[in-house]
Amino acid sequence: MFLSEADLYRISYSERVETIIRQASKDDLIDCIKQWYQQEELRPTTQNWDANGFLGNQSKQRITERLWFDWPEGLTAYQLAHIDLKSALSKRSSTVSWRLIELKDDSDNPGRLLKTLDTKTARNRIQEALSHYFRAHVMTMPDPNESADWIRIMLFENRHDRQYPMPKMTAYYLRFPDTPYLAVRGASNKTVALFIEEALLKTFQAKALKFHNVSSKSIHHLSELLHNKGSLGGFSRFRINQVDSNPLDYSHKNLKRPQREEYAKSREQKRRIIPINRQLIKSREDDASDTFGPQVVAGIRRLDIHLKKPPMFTIPEDTTEESDNEKNLRVDLSFYGTNVMDGMKRMLIHGLIEPPIPYWMKQVVSQGINEVYVTKDDVLQENPFDDEEIENEEP
């Protein structure tokens, strides 16, 4: 692998560098150092260290001390980024909040968005775009468990600074290949974030960036939700290729009668059983399958629904309310849980959501969004209601 001048930029030891090394596990350090020894540019001048035999038999403290000895002038930007990303992949913190970025194509000139751009080329383009303004270092690493690539962007406040930058100068991105989506955390400096966003626009030839709030903090759920975003809800049956079995194929039939679990054993318990309307239950299950699909993709832990609907009750005739200026009622609903969509599907099956199912609910499921605004005409929109409309409404 070719290492650039930005990769080989030497960073002096400091408390921040020690924190990066201290946060990494012993196994992560061993894996990183073994890879460094395979790179001629990264090998230390002291060649008396057998990386394969020495590392596994020593404590983390001894390995850290050996780092100071073999690289006395400091580690390179590539080495520190390697340790940092390796540690982030191993820990996979469930408390980290991500923000979702959608790359928007140019509506006047569609087709320019580079969704299929390979990660190596994207890294080089981001590095080049940021190098005009900062000393920057960009490193990418594929996620071993998900179809996503990590992009770590570190910016220096001074081009000749040998000190490790402050945490607010480093941002972590998750890129989901073949999709227009990235997830970001870090880089609390607003100015830094603006420069990085401009580099992303230039790299992927996007017209604009649209930010979404996501409630899920699981990378697995986020990846599954985004890669299947075009086949959620009722469309998921085509993605998982679920079809009805052949009713004439007796090889798939269970000839042995399955054992039934008895919930009511005594005569009194059986007498209290309320007969169910099987046709009603079947209708609910069909509605749930058509709306949410056979399998609900996890990932949405919160759903906020803002409704603006006219009242369902009739206004008495003796009131002076003008029919042309009828007021709309504002209702805000919030759902929380490990899998909100699966919970709503169960609510529909158990009759807590009554048919007919509004069309906007199917859109919520199929688009995988977690905050929606529903107008009086049952039109779904992701943007808030107009401020003028809100001001004209009665509280």
Protein backbone atom coordinates (compact mmCIF):
# COMPACT_ATOMS: atom_id res chain seq x y z
CA MET A 1 0.00 0.00 0.00
CA PHE A 2 1.36 3.38 -0.99
CA LEU A 3 1.60 5.93 1.83
CA SER A 4 1.34 9.61 0.98
CA GLU A 5 3.10 12.58 2.52
CA ALA A 6 0.02 13.21 4.68
CA ASP A 7 0.19 9.62 5.99
CA LEU A 8 3.87 9.92 6.95
CA TYR A 9 3.50 13.27 8.73
CA ARG A 10 5.15 12.80 12.15
CA ILE A 11 3.19 13.75 15.27
CA SER A 12 5.00 14.30 18.57
CA TYR A 13 4.07 12.40 21.70
CA SER A 14 1.63 14.19 23.97
CA GLU A 15 -1.17 13.48 26.41
CA ARG A 16 -3.67 13.21 23.54
CA VAL A 17 -1.48 10.65 21.75
CA GLU A 18 -1.17 8.66 24.97
CA THR A 19 -4.96 8.72 25.31
CA ILE A 20 -5.39 7.24 21.82
CA ILE A 21 -2.96 4.43 22.65
CA ARG A 22 -4.40 3.85 26.12
CA GLN A 23 -7.95 3.49 24.77
CA ALA A 24 -6.89 0.72 22.37
CA SER A 25 -6.85 -2.86 23.57
CA LYS A 26 -3.74 -5.02 23.61
CA ASP A 27 -4.99 -7.12 20.69
CA ASP A 28 -5.70 -4.01 18.62
CA LEU A 29 -2.19 -2.67 19.27
CA ILE A 30 -0.63 -6.00 18.32
CA ASP A 31 -2.61 -6.17 15.09
CA CYS A 32 -1.65 -2.59 14.16
CA ILE A 33 2.06 -3.03 14.92
CA LYS A 34 2.27 -6.23 12.90
CA GLN A 35 0.84 -4.40 9.91
CA TRP A 36 3.30 -1.54 10.40
CA TYR A 37 6.21 -3.96 10.20
CA GLN A 38 4.99 -5.02 6.78
CA GLN A 39 5.25 -1.41 5.55
CA GLU A 40 8.79 -0.32 4.78
CA GLU A 41 7.95 3.35 5.40
CA LEU A 42 6.62 2.59 8.89
CA ARG A 43 9.30 0.21 10.18
CA PRO A 44 11.41 1.65 13.01
CA THR A 45 15.16 2.03 12.73
CA THR A 46 15.63 -0.53 15.52
CA GLN A 47 15.32 -3.88 13.76
CA ASN A 48 15.96 -6.03 16.85
CA TRP A 49 12.30 -6.53 17.67
CA ASP A 50 10.56 -9.68 16.49
CA ALA A 51 6.99 -8.48 16.04
CA ASN A 52 5.53 -11.98 15.65
CA GLY A 53 7.17 -13.50 18.73
CA PHE A 54 7.51 -10.65 21.18
CA LEU A 55 4.12 -8.95 21.08
CA GLY A 56 1.88 -11.78 22.22
CA ASN A 57 3.95 -12.60 25.32
CA GLN A 58 4.14 -9.12 26.81
CA SER A 59 1.75 -6.91 28.71
CA LYS A 60 0.17 -3.86 27.17
CA GLN A 61 2.41 -1.65 29.29
CA ARG A 62 5.57 -3.30 27.87
CA ILE A 63 4.22 -2.98 24.33
CA THR A 64 3.51 0.72 24.90
CA GLU A 65 7.00 1.28 26.28
CA ARG A 66 8.42 -0.43 23.22
CA LEU A 67 6.50 2.00 21.02
CA TRP A 68 8.29 4.94 22.66
CA PHE A 69 11.62 3.16 22.13
CA ASP A 70 11.17 2.15 18.49
CA TRP A 71 9.53 5.41 17.36
CA PRO A 72 11.22 7.99 19.62
CA GLU A 73 10.31 10.99 17.43
CA GLY A 74 6.61 10.18 17.48
CA LEU A 75 4.10 8.23 15.43
CA THR A 76 2.86 9.14 11.97
CA ALA A 77 -0.65 10.39 11.23
CA TYR A 78 -1.36 7.05 9.56
CA GLN A 79 -0.30 5.07 12.65
CA LEU A 80 -2.43 7.10 15.04
CA ALA A 81 -5.43 6.98 12.72
CA HIS A 82 -4.93 3.22 12.38
CA ILE A 83 -5.01 2.73 16.16
CA ASP A 84 -7.99 5.05 16.57
CA LEU A 85 -10.12 3.38 13.88
CA LYS A 86 -9.17 -0.11 15.05
CA SER A 87 -10.28 0.78 18.57
CA ALA A 88 -13.56 2.28 17.31
CA LEU A 89 -14.35 -0.88 15.33
CA SER A 90 -13.64 -3.11 18.32
CA LYS A 91 -15.64 -1.15 20.88
CA ARG A 92 -18.71 -0.34 18.75
CA SER A 93 -20.15 1.90 21.43
CA SER A 94 -23.95 1.76 21.64
CA THR A 95 -24.09 5.21 23.27
CA VAL A 96 -22.70 7.13 20.29
CA SER A 97 -25.27 9.18 18.41
CA TRP A 98 -25.05 9.40 14.63
CA ARG A 99 -26.43 11.97 12.23
CA LEU A 100 -27.49 10.78 8.81
CA ILE A 101 -26.41 12.72 5.72
CA GLU A 102 -28.17 12.28 2.39
CA LEU A 103 -26.35 13.34 -0.76
CA LYS A 104 -28.87 15.08 -3.01
CA ASP A 105 -28.54 14.90 -6.78
CA ASP A 106 -28.94 17.95 -9.00
CA SER A 107 -32.58 18.01 -10.10
CA ASP A 108 -31.71 20.18 -13.12
CA ASN A 109 -28.92 17.83 -14.20
CA PRO A 110 -29.73 14.40 -12.72
CA GLY A 111 -27.30 11.51 -12.79
CA ARG A 112 -24.20 13.40 -11.65
CA LEU A 113 -24.23 11.99 -8.11
CA LEU A 114 -21.41 9.45 -7.69
CA LYS A 115 -23.06 6.86 -5.43
CA THR A 116 -20.87 4.03 -6.73
CA LEU A 117 -17.57 5.86 -6.25
CA ASP A 118 -15.03 3.48 -4.70
CA THR A 119 -13.85 4.38 -1.22
CA LYS A 120 -10.16 4.74 -2.14
CA THR A 121 -10.94 7.35 -4.79
CA ALA A 122 -13.32 9.12 -2.41
CA ARG A 123 -10.57 9.26 0.22
CA ASN A 124 -8.09 10.81 -2.22
CA ARG A 125 -10.63 13.40 -3.37
CA ILE A 126 -11.56 14.40 0.18
CA GLN A 127 -7.86 14.65 1.08
CA GLU A 128 -7.17 16.87 -1.92
CA ALA A 129 -10.17 19.13 -1.29
CA LEU A 130 -9.29 19.72 2.38
CA SER A 131 -5.56 20.18 1.77
CA HIS A 132 -6.26 23.55 0.16
CA TYR A 133 -7.28 24.94 3.57
CA PHE A 134 -5.77 22.68 6.26
CA ARG A 135 -3.11 20.13 6.89
CA ALA A 136 -5.44 17.17 6.74
CA HIS A 137 -5.27 13.42 7.05
CA VAL A 138 -8.01 11.12 5.76
CA MET A 139 -8.02 7.39 6.39
CA THR A 140 -10.59 4.75 5.41
CA MET A 141 -11.18 1.28 6.76
CA PRO A 142 -13.87 -1.25 5.78
CA ASP A 143 -16.21 -2.43 8.50
CA PRO A 144 -15.63 -6.18 8.92
CA ASN A 145 -19.22 -6.89 9.96
CA GLU A 146 -21.31 -4.48 7.91
CA SER A 147 -21.42 -3.32 4.30
CA ALA A 148 -20.03 0.08 5.26
CA ASP A 149 -16.70 1.91 5.17
CA TRP A 150 -15.29 4.10 7.94
CA ILE A 151 -13.81 7.46 6.93
CA ARG A 152 -11.74 9.28 9.56
CA ILE A 153 -10.95 12.93 8.85
CA MET A 154 -8.42 14.77 11.04
CA LEU A 155 -7.55 18.43 10.52
CA PHE A 156 -4.68 20.42 12.03
CA GLU A 157 -5.16 24.02 13.11
CA ASN A 158 -1.65 24.87 11.85
CA ARG A 159 0.04 23.40 8.80
CA HIS A 160 3.35 23.06 10.66
CA ASP A 161 1.87 21.84 13.94
CA ARG A 162 3.34 18.57 15.20
CA GLN A 163 0.87 18.26 18.07
CA TYR A 164 -2.10 15.93 17.90
CA PRO A 165 -5.24 18.00 17.16
CA MET A 166 -8.04 18.54 19.64
CA PRO A 167 -10.97 16.06 19.50
CA LYS A 168 -13.24 18.65 17.88
CA MET A 169 -10.95 18.62 14.82
CA THR A 170 -11.62 14.94 14.07
CA ALA A 171 -14.76 13.55 12.43
CA TYR A 172 -15.85 9.97 11.79
CA TYR A 173 -18.03 9.07 8.83
CA LEU A 174 -19.72 5.83 7.90
CA ARG A 175 -20.21 5.50 4.18
CA PHE A 176 -22.75 3.00 2.86
CA PRO A 177 -21.59 2.09 -0.67
CA ASP A 178 -24.05 2.28 -3.56
CA THR A 179 -26.34 4.49 -1.47
CA PRO A 180 -26.50 8.29 -1.17
CA TYR A 181 -26.14 8.09 2.62
CA LEU A 182 -23.38 8.71 5.14
CA ALA A 183 -23.49 8.76 8.94
CA VAL A 184 -21.34 11.19 10.90
CA ARG A 185 -20.22 11.75 14.47
CA GLY A 186 -17.58 14.07 15.89
CA ALA A 187 -16.20 17.40 14.59
CA SER A 188 -18.14 19.66 16.95
CA ASN A 189 -16.34 22.67 15.46
CA LYS A 190 -18.90 24.20 13.11
CA THR A 191 -16.28 25.80 10.87
CA VAL A 192 -14.50 22.47 10.45
CA ALA A 193 -17.81 20.74 9.70
CA LEU A 194 -18.57 23.27 6.94
CA PHE A 195 -15.24 22.63 5.21
CA ILE A 196 -15.75 18.86 5.41
CA GLU A 197 -19.29 19.15 4.03
CA GLU A 198 -17.98 21.22 1.12
CA ALA A 199 -15.38 18.52 0.44
CA LEU A 200 -18.10 15.85 0.44
CA LEU A 201 -20.16 17.83 -2.07
CA LYS A 202 -17.17 18.14 -4.36
CA THR A 203 -16.10 14.51 -3.96
CA PHE A 204 -19.46 12.92 -4.77
CA GLN A 205 -20.63 15.71 -7.12
CA ALA A 206 -23.72 16.29 -5.00
CA LYS A 207 -25.92 19.36 -5.23
CA ALA A 208 -26.70 19.61 -1.52
CA LEU A 209 -26.58 17.71 1.77
CA LYS A 210 -29.71 16.84 3.71
CA PHE A 211 -29.40 15.91 7.38
CA HIS A 212 -31.68 13.40 9.08
CA ASN A 213 -31.98 12.60 12.76
CA VAL A 214 -31.75 8.87 13.46
CA SER A 215 -32.81 7.30 16.73
CA SER A 216 -30.92 4.04 16.32
CA LYS A 217 -27.36 3.94 17.66
CA SER A 218 -26.65 0.48 16.26
CA ILE A 219 -24.46 0.42 13.16
CA HIS A 220 -25.96 -2.93 12.15
CA HIS A 221 -29.54 -1.64 12.24
CA LEU A 222 -28.51 1.57 10.49
CA SER A 223 -26.76 -0.34 7.71
CA GLU A 224 -29.66 -2.74 7.21
CA LEU A 225 -32.17 0.11 7.15
CA LEU A 226 -30.28 2.16 4.56
CA HIS A 227 -29.31 -0.67 2.22
CA ASN A 228 -32.93 -1.87 2.18
CA LYS A 229 -34.48 1.60 2.12
CA GLY A 230 -36.05 0.98 -1.26
CA SER A 231 -37.69 -2.27 -0.16
CA LEU A 232 -39.17 -1.67 3.29
CA GLY A 233 -42.70 -2.24 4.47
CA GLY A 234 -44.91 -4.12 2.05
CA PHE A 235 -42.16 -4.08 -0.59
CA SER A 236 -39.91 -6.28 1.58
CA ARG A 237 -41.65 -9.39 0.29
CA PHE A 238 -39.93 -8.85 -3.05
CA ARG A 239 -36.54 -8.33 -1.38
CA ILE A 240 -36.62 -11.55 0.63
CA ASN A 241 -38.29 -13.36 -2.30
CA GLN A 242 -41.09 -14.67 -0.11
CA VAL A 243 -43.73 -16.54 -2.09
CA ASP A 244 -46.62 -18.80 -1.23
CA SER A 245 -45.87 -22.50 -1.21
CA ASN A 246 -47.48 -24.86 -3.67
CA PRO A 247 -50.69 -26.17 -2.01
CA LEU A 248 -50.49 -29.39 -4.06
CA ASP A 249 -46.94 -30.23 -2.95
CA TYR A 250 -47.52 -32.70 -0.10
CA SER A 251 -43.79 -33.00 0.60
CA HIS A 252 -43.90 -29.65 2.40
CA LYS A 253 -46.94 -30.51 4.49
CA ASN A 254 -46.60 -31.62 8.09
CA LEU A 255 -48.59 -34.85 8.22
CA LYS A 256 -48.19 -35.14 11.98
CA ARG A 257 -50.63 -33.02 13.93
CA PRO A 258 -48.67 -30.34 15.81
CA GLN A 259 -48.91 -30.23 19.57
CA ARG A 260 -51.19 -27.43 20.71
CA GLU A 261 -50.48 -25.43 23.83
CA GLU A 262 -53.48 -25.30 26.16
CA TYR A 263 -54.03 -21.96 27.83
CA ALA A 264 -57.31 -22.97 29.50
CA LYS A 265 -57.33 -26.31 31.31
CA SER A 266 -60.25 -26.27 33.74
CA ARG A 267 -63.90 -26.29 32.71
CA GLU A 268 -64.47 -22.86 34.25
CA GLN A 269 -61.55 -21.37 32.31
CA LYS A 270 -62.86 -22.80 29.06
CA ARG A 271 -66.34 -21.44 29.83
CA ARG A 272 -64.91 -17.92 30.11
CA ILE A 273 -63.29 -18.04 26.68
CA ILE A 274 -64.67 -15.36 24.38
CA PRO A 275 -64.98 -16.61 20.79
CA ILE A 276 -62.91 -14.66 18.29
CA ASN A 277 -63.91 -13.40 14.92
CA ARG A 278 -61.47 -15.32 12.75
CA GLN A 279 -62.35 -13.27 9.71
CA LEU A 280 -61.51 -10.08 11.62
CA ILE A 281 -58.17 -11.50 12.82
CA LYS A 282 -57.32 -12.61 9.29
CA SER A 283 -58.16 -9.15 7.97
CA ARG A 284 -55.86 -7.52 10.55
CA GLU A 285 -53.00 -9.87 9.69
CA ASP A 286 -53.41 -9.14 5.98
CA ASP A 287 -53.40 -5.39 6.64
CA ALA A 288 -50.28 -5.74 8.80
CA SER A 289 -48.49 -7.77 6.12
CA ASP A 290 -49.43 -5.32 3.36
CA THR A 291 -48.35 -2.31 5.43
CA PHE A 292 -45.27 -3.54 7.29
CA GLY A 293 -44.24 -6.55 5.22
CA PRO A 294 -43.50 -10.10 6.37
CA GLN A 295 -40.43 -9.00 8.34
CA VAL A 296 -39.92 -5.61 9.93
CA VAL A 297 -36.40 -4.18 9.59
CA ALA A 298 -35.08 -3.03 12.96
CA GLY A 299 -33.40 0.35 13.32
CA ILE A 300 -36.10 2.89 14.19
CA ARG A 301 -36.16 3.37 17.97
CA ARG A 302 -38.26 6.53 17.94
CA LEU A 303 -41.05 7.84 15.73
CA ASP A 304 -42.56 11.32 16.01
CA ILE A 305 -45.80 11.92 14.12
CA HIS A 306 -47.23 15.44 13.88
CA LEU A 307 -50.83 15.46 12.67
CA LYS A 308 -52.82 18.46 11.51
CA LYS A 309 -56.39 17.31 10.89
CA PRO A 310 -59.86 18.87 11.02
CA PRO A 311 -62.00 17.79 13.99
CA MET A 312 -63.95 14.57 13.56
CA PHE A 313 -66.92 15.93 15.54
CA THR A 314 -69.54 18.30 14.06
CA ILE A 315 -69.78 21.91 15.15
CA PRO A 316 -73.27 22.95 16.40
CA GLU A 317 -75.27 25.09 14.00
CA ASP A 318 -75.77 27.94 16.50
CA THR A 319 -72.02 28.64 16.65
CA THR A 320 -70.63 31.60 14.74
CA GLU A 321 -67.69 29.59 13.41
CA GLU A 322 -67.13 30.23 9.70
CA SER A 323 -67.00 27.04 7.69
CA ASP A 324 -64.44 28.46 5.25
CA ASN A 325 -62.03 29.21 8.07
CA GLU A 326 -62.38 25.93 9.93
CA LYS A 327 -59.56 25.33 12.38
CA ASN A 328 -57.38 22.25 12.31
CA LEU A 329 -56.40 20.26 15.36
CA ARG A 330 -52.70 19.65 16.06
CA VAL A 331 -51.79 16.26 17.53
CA ASP A 332 -48.22 15.16 18.28
CA LEU A 333 -47.50 11.46 18.84
CA SER A 334 -44.19 9.96 19.97
CA PHE A 335 -43.37 6.26 19.97
CA TYR A 336 -40.31 4.81 21.72
CA GLY A 337 -38.93 1.27 21.76
CA THR A 338 -36.26 -1.10 20.50
CA ASN A 339 -38.20 -1.55 17.24
CA VAL A 340 -41.01 0.95 16.78
CA MET A 341 -42.21 -0.44 13.44
CA ASP A 342 -42.59 -3.93 14.85
CA GLY A 343 -44.56 -2.48 17.77
CA MET A 344 -46.92 -0.64 15.42
CA LYS A 345 -47.39 -3.84 13.43
CA ARG A 346 -48.42 -5.64 16.62
CA MET A 347 -50.78 -2.79 17.51
CA LEU A 348 -52.46 -3.26 14.14
CA ILE A 349 -52.78 -7.02 14.63
CA HIS A 350 -54.26 -6.58 18.12
CA GLY A 351 -56.79 -3.99 16.94
CA LEU A 352 -55.26 -0.91 18.58
CA ILE A 353 -54.92 0.64 15.12
CA GLU A 354 -58.24 0.42 13.33
CA PRO A 355 -58.62 0.13 9.55
CA PRO A 356 -58.61 1.63 7.04
CA ILE A 357 -54.86 2.13 7.26
CA PRO A 358 -54.00 5.67 6.12
CA TYR A 359 -51.73 5.88 3.12
CA TRP A 360 -49.21 8.09 4.92
CA MET A 361 -48.54 5.29 7.44
CA LYS A 362 -47.45 3.00 4.62
CA GLN A 363 -45.12 5.74 3.42
CA VAL A 364 -43.57 6.05 6.89
CA VAL A 365 -42.83 2.32 6.94
CA SER A 366 -41.49 2.15 3.39
CA GLN A 367 -39.21 5.20 3.73
CA GLY A 368 -37.71 4.34 7.12
CA ILE A 369 -37.98 7.88 8.51
CA ASN A 370 -38.50 8.73 12.17
CA GLU A 371 -40.20 12.15 12.11
CA VAL A 372 -43.08 13.05 9.82
CA TYR A 373 -45.70 15.75 9.39
CA VAL A 374 -49.15 14.78 8.13
CA THR A 375 -51.37 17.49 6.68
CA LYS A 376 -55.16 17.63 6.71
CA ASP A 377 -55.22 15.99 3.26
CA ASP A 378 -53.27 12.95 4.52
CA VAL A 379 -50.19 14.16 2.67
CA LEU A 380 -46.88 13.12 4.22
CA GLN A 381 -44.05 15.61 4.38
CA GLU A 382 -40.71 15.50 6.21
CA ASN A 383 -40.50 19.27 6.72
CA PRO A 384 -42.34 21.10 9.52
CA PHE A 385 -45.62 22.85 8.88
CA ASP A 386 -45.43 26.40 7.60
CA ASP A 387 -44.90 28.94 10.35
CA GLU A 388 -47.81 31.04 9.07
CA GLU A 389 -50.18 28.11 9.36
CA ILE A 390 -49.05 27.42 12.91
CA GLU A 391 -49.49 31.05 13.94
CA ASN A 392 -53.02 31.18 12.49
CA GLU A 393 -54.12 28.11 14.41
CA GLU A 394 -55.67 28.27 17.84
CA PRO A 395 -53.53 26.73 20.59
